[in-house]
Amino acid sequence: MEDAMILNKSAVDRGMFRGDIFQTECIDLSAKRTENVPEIFAKSPLSRDTDNVIDSDGLPRVGETVVPYEQYYSIYNTLTGAIRPVRLKGTEPAAIDYVALNG
């Protein structure tokens, strides 16, 4: 026995069966802390290639599109002064929809 389905062409053209995937990423700096060295979000003043993605506070800009392996936030080690960039993992581009700070 075969199954059949009747589709309205205009409904499909308007977006029926299309979808978006929302992924939430929580970054806990206290969990990544080593030897009680406080880390904060900060942007390197020397890095100009990430100006379109990373805001002055080291977090991604809302509305920007990030491609895989592109830096999208950075963490500043207050003891050593080193800035560690974090790159997007995965194989698909991501659009930054919302950024929130907690605590």
Protein backbone atom coordinates (compact mmCIF):
# COMPACT_ATOMS: atom_id res chain seq x y z
CA MET A 1 0.00 0.00 0.00
CA GLU A 2 1.30 3.44 -0.88
CA ASP A 3 0.97 6.63 1.10
CA ALA A 4 0.19 9.90 -0.58
CA MET A 5 0.04 13.50 0.47
CA ILE A 6 -1.50 16.47 -1.27
CA LEU A 7 0.44 19.71 -0.85
CA ASN A 8 -0.74 23.21 -1.55
CA LYS A 9 1.98 24.79 -3.73
CA SER A 10 1.47 28.30 -2.34
CA ALA A 11 1.77 27.00 1.24
CA VAL A 12 5.08 25.35 0.40
CA ASP A 13 6.28 28.53 -1.32
CA ARG A 14 5.42 30.59 1.78
CA GLY A 15 7.57 28.38 4.00
CA MET A 16 5.70 25.26 4.97
CA PHE A 17 8.15 22.51 6.05
CA ARG A 18 10.97 24.99 6.64
CA GLY A 19 12.50 25.37 10.04
CA ASP A 20 15.23 26.93 12.10
CA ILE A 21 17.38 25.26 14.70
CA PHE A 22 18.12 27.28 17.83
CA GLN A 23 21.11 26.24 19.89
CA THR A 24 21.91 27.75 23.27
CA GLU A 25 25.47 27.90 24.46
CA CYS A 26 26.17 28.72 28.11
CA ILE A 27 29.71 29.78 28.97
CA ASP A 28 30.59 29.51 32.65
CA LEU A 29 33.87 31.29 33.32
CA SER A 30 33.95 30.10 36.93
CA ALA A 31 33.98 26.48 35.76
CA LYS A 32 36.92 27.18 33.42
CA ARG A 33 38.90 28.95 36.13
CA THR A 34 42.29 27.40 36.83
CA GLU A 35 44.24 28.04 40.03
CA ASN A 36 41.79 30.75 41.14
CA VAL A 37 42.85 33.09 38.34
CA PRO A 38 39.82 35.18 37.41
CA GLU A 39 38.97 35.31 33.74
CA ILE A 40 36.70 37.84 32.07
CA PHE A 41 35.31 38.43 28.61
CA ALA A 42 37.47 40.94 26.75
CA LYS A 43 38.53 41.72 23.21
CA SER A 44 42.13 42.03 22.11
CA PRO A 45 42.93 45.60 21.10
CA LEU A 46 45.34 44.23 18.48
CA SER A 47 42.81 42.01 16.71
CA ARG A 48 41.10 43.92 13.89
CA ASP A 49 39.92 40.90 11.88
CA THR A 50 37.13 40.14 14.38
CA ASP A 51 35.71 43.67 14.62
CA ASN A 52 32.57 42.67 12.75
CA VAL A 53 31.77 39.69 15.02
CA ILE A 54 33.14 40.50 18.48
CA ASP A 55 31.97 43.56 20.38
CA SER A 56 34.24 45.65 22.63
CA ASP A 57 33.30 43.54 25.66
CA GLY A 58 34.59 40.30 24.08
CA LEU A 59 31.14 38.84 23.42
CA PRO A 60 29.57 38.28 20.01
CA ARG A 61 27.48 41.03 18.42
CA VAL A 62 23.78 40.30 18.10
CA GLY A 63 22.71 39.84 14.49
CA GLU A 64 26.12 38.80 13.17
CA THR A 65 26.68 35.58 11.25
CA VAL A 66 29.59 33.43 12.34
CA VAL A 67 31.05 30.76 10.07
CA PRO A 68 32.63 27.55 11.39
CA TYR A 69 36.08 27.97 12.97
CA GLU A 70 35.67 31.75 13.15
CA GLN A 71 36.38 33.43 16.48
CA TYR A 72 33.14 34.55 18.14
CA TYR A 73 34.16 35.44 21.70
CA SER A 74 37.37 35.82 23.68
CA ILE A 75 38.44 35.29 27.28
CA TYR A 76 41.01 37.46 29.05
CA ASN A 77 43.23 35.97 31.77
CA THR A 78 43.74 38.73 34.36
CA LEU A 79 46.94 37.22 35.76
CA THR A 80 48.93 36.63 32.58
CA GLY A 81 47.21 39.19 30.35
CA ALA A 82 46.68 36.54 27.68
CA ILE A 83 43.56 36.62 25.55
CA ARG A 84 42.23 33.25 24.46
CA PRO A 85 40.00 33.30 21.37
CA VAL A 86 37.19 30.77 21.17
CA ARG A 87 36.11 29.57 17.74
CA LEU A 88 32.76 28.24 16.54
CA LYS A 89 32.66 24.46 16.37
CA GLY A 90 30.48 22.62 13.92
CA THR A 91 29.93 22.63 10.19
CA GLU A 92 27.17 25.20 9.69
CA PRO A 93 27.14 28.98 10.02
CA ALA A 94 25.39 30.44 13.04
CA ALA A 95 23.50 33.70 13.51
CA ILE A 96 23.83 35.34 16.92
CA ASP A 97 20.27 35.91 18.12
CA TYR A 98 20.66 36.87 21.79
CA VAL A 99 23.49 37.49 24.27
CA ALA A 100 22.87 37.68 28.02
CA LEU A 101 25.11 37.97 31.06
CA ASN A 102 24.21 36.28 34.33
CA GLY A 103 25.96 37.15 37.57
